[in-house]
Each structure stands twice: as structure tokens, then as C-alpha cells.
């Protein structure tokens, strides 16, 4: 139970602070990728979301998506 709370609540909150990503986007990404890929999706959801946000922040046409994902 402690691991579940840490994985679903604490990790998204801390990751959102360091990567400047929206907590809700991280939580939604965790749920989506966990459903699609299981354990591997859970492990890779946050790094994939941070990479997508970095690309969206750098490409002019995708900046609105980057703003949706975080600061």
C-alpha cells in the first residue's frame, strides 16, 4: 500500500516540480500507459511525458501542447 501511494501520489508530485510538468498530466499519463503497457508503461510514462514536453516546448507549432503539459 505504501509503494502504491508513493508511485501514484508522491512521485508525480515530485516529478512535476523538477520537470515543471503538470501533476494532472503526469497522473493521466501514468494511468494511460499503465493500462496500455502494464508495468513497463508505469515505469516509462513519466520519462516519455517529459520528453514529449521538451519537444513541444522547442517546436513552435506544438507550444500550446507544451503549455498544457506544464509551465
PDB file of N, CA and C in Angstrom:
ATOM      1  N   UNK A   1       0.821  -1.183   0.000  1.00  0.00           N
ATOM      2  CA  UNK A   1       0.000   0.000   0.000  1.00  0.00           C
ATOM      3  C   UNK A   1       0.876   1.262   0.000  1.00  0.00           C
ATOM      4  N   UNK A   2       1.944   1.232   0.769  1.00  0.00           N
ATOM      5  CA  UNK A   2       2.842   2.390   0.821  1.00  0.00           C
ATOM      6  C   UNK A   2       3.489   2.622  -0.545  1.00  0.00           C
ATOM      7  N   UNK A   3       3.891   1.547  -1.197  1.00  0.00           N
ATOM      8  CA  UNK A   3       4.500   1.669  -2.522  1.00  0.00           C
ATOM      9  C   UNK A   3       3.503   2.224  -3.531  1.00  0.00           C
ATOM     10  N   UNK A   4       2.271   1.791  -3.446  1.00  0.00           N
ATOM     11  CA  UNK A   4       1.236   2.307  -4.347  1.00  0.00           C
ATOM     12  C   UNK A   4       1.024   3.799  -4.127  1.00  0.00           C
ATOM     13  N   UNK A   5       0.936   4.214  -2.885  1.00  0.00           N
ATOM     14  CA  UNK A   5       0.773   5.647  -2.598  1.00  0.00           C
ATOM     15  C   UNK A   5       1.964   6.453  -3.095  1.00  0.00           C
ATOM     16  N   UNK A   6       3.144   5.906  -2.890  1.00  0.00           N
ATOM     17  CA  UNK A   6       4.353   6.599  -3.359  1.00  0.00           C
ATOM     18  C   UNK A   6       4.351   6.691  -4.881  1.00  0.00           C
ATOM     19  N   UNK A   7       4.002   5.616  -5.552  1.00  0.00           N
ATOM     20  CA  UNK A   7       4.044   5.602  -7.016  1.00  0.00           C
ATOM     21  C   UNK A   7       2.965   6.437  -7.668  1.00  0.00           C
ATOM     22  N   UNK A   8       1.802   6.495  -7.048  1.00  0.00           N
ATOM     23  CA  UNK A   8       0.678   7.204  -7.670  1.00  0.00           C
ATOM     24  C   UNK A   8       0.511   8.632  -7.186  1.00  0.00           C
ATOM     25  N   UNK A   9       1.042   8.975  -6.020  1.00  0.00           N
ATOM     26  CA  UNK A   9       0.859  10.328  -5.496  1.00  0.00           C
ATOM     27  C   UNK A   9       2.163  11.097  -5.317  1.00  0.00           C
ATOM     28  N   UNK A  10       3.111  10.524  -4.612  1.00  0.00           N
ATOM     29  CA  UNK A  10       4.340  11.245  -4.292  1.00  0.00           C
ATOM     30  C   UNK A  10       5.228  11.448  -5.515  1.00  0.00           C
ATOM     31  N   UNK A  11       5.433  10.401  -6.294  1.00  0.00           N
ATOM     32  CA  UNK A  11       6.304  10.511  -7.471  1.00  0.00           C
ATOM     33  C   UNK A  11       5.786  11.527  -8.490  1.00  0.00           C
ATOM     34  N   UNK A  12       4.489  11.504  -8.862  1.00  0.00           N
ATOM     35  CA  UNK A  12       4.025  12.542  -9.798  1.00  0.00           C
ATOM     36  C   UNK A  12       4.193  13.953  -9.258  1.00  0.00           C
ATOM     37  N   UNK A  13       3.963  14.123  -7.956  1.00  0.00           N
ATOM     38  CA  UNK A  13       4.093  15.461  -7.387  1.00  0.00           C
ATOM     39  C   UNK A  13       5.542  15.941  -7.442  1.00  0.00           C
ATOM     40  N   UNK A  14       6.490  15.090  -7.039  1.00  0.00           N
ATOM     41  CA  UNK A  14       7.901  15.485  -7.055  1.00  0.00           C
ATOM     42  C   UNK A  14       8.421  15.656  -8.479  1.00  0.00           C
ATOM     43  N   UNK A  15       8.016  14.784  -9.381  1.00  0.00           N
ATOM     44  CA  UNK A  15       8.459  14.892 -10.774  1.00  0.00           C
ATOM     45  C   UNK A  15       7.925  16.164 -11.409  1.00  0.00           C
ATOM     46  N   UNK A  16       6.704  16.520 -11.103  1.00  0.00           N
ATOM     47  CA  UNK A  16       6.138  17.730 -11.679  1.00  0.00           C
ATOM     48  C   UNK A  16       6.896  18.971 -11.220  1.00  0.00           C
ATOM     49  N   UNK A  17       7.411  18.944 -10.010  1.00  0.00           N
ATOM     50  CA  UNK A  17       8.170  20.097  -9.517  1.00  0.00           C
ATOM     51  C   UNK A  17       9.519  20.211 -10.195  1.00  0.00           C
ATOM     52  N   UNK A  18      10.202  19.087 -10.437  1.00  0.00           N
ATOM     53  CA  UNK A  18      11.532  19.150 -11.030  1.00  0.00           C
ATOM     54  C   UNK A  18      11.480  19.324 -12.540  1.00  0.00           C
ATOM     55  N   UNK A  19      10.523  18.711 -13.195  1.00  0.00           N
ATOM     56  CA  UNK A  19      10.430  18.802 -14.658  1.00  0.00           C
ATOM     57  C   UNK A  19       9.493  19.914 -15.107  1.00  0.00           C
ATOM     58  N   UNK A  20       8.888  20.610 -14.151  1.00  0.00           N
ATOM     59  CA  UNK A  20       7.926  21.675 -14.431  1.00  0.00           C
ATOM     60  C   UNK A  20       6.803  21.168 -15.328  1.00  0.00           C
ATOM     61  N   UNK A  21       6.275  20.031 -14.921  1.00  0.00           N
ATOM     62  CA  UNK A  21       5.191  19.394 -15.649  1.00  0.00           C
ATOM     63  C   UNK A  21       3.960  19.363 -14.755  1.00  0.00           C
ATOM     64  N   UNK A  22       2.816  19.456 -15.380  1.00  0.00           N
ATOM     65  CA  UNK A  22       1.548  19.460 -14.674  1.00  0.00           C
ATOM     66  C   UNK A  22       1.315  18.129 -13.958  1.00  0.00           C
ATOM     67  N   UNK A  23       0.925  18.183 -12.690  1.00  0.00           N
ATOM     68  CA  UNK A  23       0.688  16.961 -11.917  1.00  0.00           C
ATOM     69  C   UNK A  23      -0.420  16.119 -12.521  1.00  0.00           C
ATOM     70  N   UNK A  24      -1.463  16.781 -13.009  1.00  0.00           N
ATOM     71  CA  UNK A  24      -2.592  16.063 -13.603  1.00  0.00           C
ATOM     72  C   UNK A  24      -2.156  15.355 -14.883  1.00  0.00           C
ATOM     73  N   UNK A  25      -1.297  15.984 -15.674  1.00  0.00           N
ATOM     74  CA  UNK A  25      -0.806  15.346 -16.894  1.00  0.00           C
ATOM     75  C   UNK A  25       0.032  14.116 -16.563  1.00  0.00           C
ATOM     76  N   UNK A  26       0.852  14.205 -15.522  1.00  0.00           N
ATOM     77  CA  UNK A  26       1.659  13.050 -15.117  1.00  0.00           C
ATOM     78  C   UNK A  26       0.757  11.927 -14.620  1.00  0.00           C
ATOM     79  N   UNK A  27      -0.227  12.264 -13.811  1.00  0.00           N
ATOM     80  CA  UNK A  27      -1.141  11.250 -13.281  1.00  0.00           C
ATOM     81  C   UNK A  27      -1.930  10.601 -14.416  1.00  0.00           C
ATOM     82  N   UNK A  28      -2.433  11.406 -15.358  1.00  0.00           N
ATOM     83  CA  UNK A  28      -3.168  10.853 -16.501  1.00  0.00           C
ATOM     84  C   UNK A  28      -2.257   9.984 -17.364  1.00  0.00           C
ATOM     85  N   UNK A  29      -1.004  10.419 -17.553  1.00  0.00           N
ATOM     86  CA  UNK A  29      -0.053   9.614 -18.311  1.00  0.00           C
ATOM     87  C   UNK A  29       0.246   8.292 -17.637  1.00  0.00           C
ATOM     88  N   UNK A  30       0.384   8.316 -16.314  1.00  0.00           N
ATOM     89  CA  UNK A  30       0.609   7.076 -15.573  1.00  0.00           C
ATOM     90  C   UNK A  30      -0.565   6.111 -15.730  1.00  0.00           C
ATOM     91  N   UNK A  31      -1.768   6.626 -15.616  1.00  0.00           N
ATOM     92  CA  UNK A  31      -2.938   5.763 -15.756  1.00  0.00           C
ATOM     93  C   UNK A  31      -3.019   5.202 -17.171  1.00  0.00           C
ATOM     94  N   UNK A  32      -2.854   6.068 -18.178  1.00  0.00           N
ATOM     95  CA  UNK A  32      -2.969   5.628 -19.567  1.00  0.00           C
ATOM     96  C   UNK A  32      -1.914   4.587 -19.926  1.00  0.00           C
ATOM     97  N   UNK A  33      -0.639   4.891 -19.668  1.00  0.00           N
ATOM     98  CA  UNK A  33       0.423   3.971 -20.055  1.00  0.00           C
ATOM     99  C   UNK A  33       0.442   2.712 -19.203  1.00  0.00           C
ATOM    100  N   UNK A  34      -0.020   2.788 -17.965  1.00  0.00           N
ATOM    101  CA  UNK A  34      -0.150   1.579 -17.160  1.00  0.00           C
ATOM    102  C   UNK A  34      -1.211   0.658 -17.743  1.00  0.00           C
ATOM    103  N   UNK A  35      -2.278   1.241 -18.236  1.00  0.00           N
ATOM    104  CA  UNK A  35      -3.340   0.453 -18.857  1.00  0.00           C
ATOM    105  C   UNK A  35      -2.871  -0.167 -20.172  1.00  0.00           C
ATOM    106  N   UNK A  36      -2.113   0.603 -20.967  1.00  0.00           N
ATOM    107  CA  UNK A  36      -1.678   0.127 -22.279  1.00  0.00           C
ATOM    108  C   UNK A  36      -0.550  -0.895 -22.170  1.00  0.00           C
ATOM    109  N   UNK A  37       0.498  -0.596 -21.380  1.00  0.00           N
ATOM    110  CA  UNK A  37       1.703  -1.434 -21.349  1.00  0.00           C
ATOM    111  C   UNK A  37       1.949  -2.118 -20.014  1.00  0.00           C
ATOM    112  N   UNK A  38       1.073  -1.957 -19.057  1.00  0.00           N
ATOM    113  CA  UNK A  38       1.255  -2.618 -17.758  1.00  0.00           C
ATOM    114  C   UNK A  38       2.405  -2.009 -16.966  1.00  0.00           C
ATOM    115  N   UNK A  39       3.215  -2.884 -16.381  1.00  0.00           N
ATOM    116  CA  UNK A  39       4.332  -2.435 -15.544  1.00  0.00           C
ATOM    117  C   UNK A  39       5.308  -1.566 -16.332  1.00  0.00           C
ATOM    118  N   UNK A  40       5.611  -1.966 -17.571  1.00  0.00           N
ATOM    119  CA  UNK A  40       6.549  -1.181 -18.381  1.00  0.00           C
ATOM    120  C   UNK A  40       5.992   0.211 -18.663  1.00  0.00           C
ATOM    121  N   UNK A  41       4.703   0.310 -18.870  1.00  0.00           N
ATOM    122  CA  UNK A  41       4.088   1.616 -19.064  1.00  0.00           C
ATOM    123  C   UNK A  41       4.192   2.491 -17.836  1.00  0.00           C
ATOM    124  N   UNK A  42       4.042   1.867 -16.668  1.00  0.00           N
ATOM    125  CA  UNK A  42       4.184   2.613 -15.417  1.00  0.00           C
ATOM    126  C   UNK A  42       5.602   3.149 -15.257  1.00  0.00           C
ATOM    127  N   UNK A  43       6.573   2.332 -15.613  1.00  0.00           N
ATOM    128  CA  UNK A  43       7.969   2.757 -15.484  1.00  0.00           C
ATOM    129  C   UNK A  43       8.361   3.817 -16.502  1.00  0.00           C
ATOM    130  N   UNK A  44       7.795   3.752 -17.700  1.00  0.00           N
ATOM    131  CA  UNK A  44       8.212   4.649 -18.769  1.00  0.00           C
ATOM    132  C   UNK A  44       7.300   5.856 -18.984  1.00  0.00           C
ATOM    133  N   UNK A  45       6.185   5.933 -18.284  1.00  0.00           N
ATOM    134  CA  UNK A  45       5.217   7.002 -18.521  1.00  0.00           C
ATOM    135  C   UNK A  45       5.802   8.388 -18.263  1.00  0.00           C
ATOM    136  N   UNK A  46       6.430   8.577 -17.129  1.00  0.00           N
ATOM    137  CA  UNK A  46       6.936   9.905 -16.775  1.00  0.00           C
ATOM    138  C   UNK A  46       8.094  10.330 -17.683  1.00  0.00           C
ATOM    139  N   UNK A  47       9.093   9.467 -17.939  1.00  0.00           N
ATOM    140  CA  UNK A  47      10.149   9.899 -18.858  1.00  0.00           C
ATOM    141  C   UNK A  47       9.628  10.233 -20.266  1.00  0.00           C
ATOM    142  N   UNK A  48       8.664   9.447 -20.748  1.00  0.00           N
ATOM    143  CA  UNK A  48       8.096   9.742 -22.071  1.00  0.00           C
ATOM    144  C   UNK A  48       7.363  11.072 -22.064  1.00  0.00           C
ATOM    145  N   UNK A  49       6.631  11.357 -20.985  1.00  0.00           N
ATOM    146  CA  UNK A  49       5.902  12.617 -20.895  1.00  0.00           C
ATOM    147  C   UNK A  49       6.857  13.811 -20.842  1.00  0.00           C
ATOM    148  N   UNK A  50       7.953  13.678 -20.125  1.00  0.00           N
ATOM    149  CA  UNK A  50       8.936  14.762 -20.040  1.00  0.00           C
ATOM    150  C   UNK A  50       9.592  14.996 -21.407  1.00  0.00           C
ATOM    151  N   UNK A  51       9.876  13.917 -22.136  1.00  0.00           N
ATOM    152  CA  UNK A  51      10.457  14.055 -23.479  1.00  0.00           C
ATOM    153  C   UNK A  51       9.471  14.739 -24.423  1.00  0.00           C
ATOM    154  N   UNK A  52       8.206  14.337 -24.378  1.00  0.00           N
ATOM    155  CA  UNK A  52       7.188  14.965 -25.224  1.00  0.00           C
ATOM    156  C   UNK A  52       7.071  16.441 -24.895  1.00  0.00           C
ATOM    157  N   UNK A  53       7.088  16.781 -23.608  1.00  0.00           N
ATOM    158  CA  UNK A  53       7.007  18.190 -23.219  1.00  0.00           C
ATOM    159  C   UNK A  53       8.215  18.973 -23.720  1.00  0.00           C
ATOM    160  N   UNK A  54       9.397  18.383 -23.648  1.00  0.00           N
ATOM    161  CA  UNK A  54      10.597  19.065 -24.136  1.00  0.00           C
ATOM    162  C   UNK A  54      10.506  19.329 -25.640  1.00  0.00           C
ATOM    163  N   UNK A  55      10.043  18.351 -26.397  1.00  0.00           N
ATOM    164  CA  UNK A  55       9.864  18.561 -27.831  1.00  0.00           C
ATOM    165  C   UNK A  55       8.817  19.635 -28.101  1.00  0.00           C
ATOM    166  N   UNK A  56       7.708  19.582 -27.380  1.00  0.00           N
ATOM    167  CA  UNK A  56       6.640  20.562 -27.592  1.00  0.00           C
ATOM    168  C   UNK A  56       7.089  21.974 -27.226  1.00  0.00           C
ATOM    169  N   UNK A  57       7.938  22.103 -26.233  1.00  0.00           N
ATOM    170  CA  UNK A  57       8.440  23.426 -25.860  1.00  0.00           C
ATOM    171  C   UNK A  57       9.386  23.998 -26.907  1.00  0.00           C
ATOM    172  N   UNK A  58      10.058  23.140 -27.668  1.00  0.00           N
ATOM    173  CA  UNK A  58      11.049  23.595 -28.653  1.00  0.00           C
ATOM    174  C   UNK A  58      10.463  23.828 -30.048  1.00  0.00           C
ATOM    175  N   UNK A  59       9.362  23.166 -30.379  1.00  0.00           N
ATOM    176  CA  UNK A  59       8.751  23.283 -31.706  1.00  0.00           C
ATOM    177  C   UNK A  59       7.611  24.294 -31.623  1.00  0.00           C
ATOM    178  N   UNK A  60       7.698  25.309 -32.442  1.00  0.00           N
ATOM    179  CA  UNK A  60       6.774  26.439 -32.369  1.00  0.00           C
ATOM    180  C   UNK A  60       5.303  26.029 -32.514  1.00  0.00           C
ATOM    181  N   UNK A  61       5.004  25.149 -33.452  1.00  0.00           N
ATOM    182  CA  UNK A  61       3.613  24.748 -33.675  1.00  0.00           C
ATOM    183  C   UNK A  61       3.048  23.910 -32.529  1.00  0.00           C
ATOM    184  N   UNK A  62       3.897  23.310 -31.716  1.00  0.00           N
ATOM    185  CA  UNK A  62       3.449  22.446 -30.623  1.00  0.00           C
ATOM    186  C   UNK A  62       3.508  23.122 -29.256  1.00  0.00           C
ATOM    187  N   UNK A  63       3.836  24.411 -29.231  1.00  0.00           N
ATOM    188  CA  UNK A  63       3.945  25.114 -27.944  1.00  0.00           C
ATOM    189  C   UNK A  63       2.654  25.097 -27.125  1.00  0.00           C
ATOM    190  N   UNK A  64       1.473  25.161 -27.748  1.00  0.00           N
ATOM    191  CA  UNK A  64       0.253  25.061 -26.919  1.00  0.00           C
ATOM    192  C   UNK A  64       0.148  23.734 -26.166  1.00  0.00           C
ATOM    193  N   UNK A  65       0.589  22.655 -26.764  1.00  0.00           N
ATOM    194  CA  UNK A  65       0.579  21.363 -26.078  1.00  0.00           C
ATOM    195  C   UNK A  65       1.591  21.381 -24.932  1.00  0.00           C
ATOM    196  N   UNK A  66       2.755  21.987 -25.169  1.00  0.00           N
ATOM    197  CA  UNK A  66       3.755  22.110 -24.106  1.00  0.00           C
ATOM    198  C   UNK A  66       3.242  22.914 -22.930  1.00  0.00           C
ATOM    199  N   UNK A  67       2.474  23.966 -23.206  1.00  0.00           N
ATOM    200  CA  UNK A  67       1.896  24.763 -22.140  1.00  0.00           C
ATOM    201  C   UNK A  67       0.825  23.984 -21.388  1.00  0.00           C
ATOM    202  N   UNK A  68       0.095  23.129 -22.102  1.00  0.00           N
ATOM    203  CA  UNK A  68      -0.906  22.287 -21.456  1.00  0.00           C
ATOM    204  C   UNK A  68      -0.263  21.283 -20.513  1.00  0.00           C
ATOM    205  N   UNK A  69       0.913  20.787 -20.901  1.00  0.00           N
ATOM    206  CA  UNK A  69       1.613  19.794 -20.093  1.00  0.00           C
ATOM    207  C   UNK A  69       2.342  20.404 -18.889  1.00  0.00           C
ATOM    208  N   UNK A  70       2.537  21.702 -18.888  1.00  0.00           N
ATOM    209  CA  UNK A  70       3.208  22.329 -17.745  1.00  0.00           C
ATOM    210  C   UNK A  70       3.651  23.733 -18.043  1.00  0.00           C
ATOM    211  N   UNK A  71       4.437  24.286 -17.137  1.00  0.00           N
ATOM    212  CA  UNK A  71       4.882  25.676 -17.217  1.00  0.00           C
ATOM    213  C   UNK A  71       5.729  25.946 -18.413  1.00  0.00           C
TER     214      UNK A  71
END
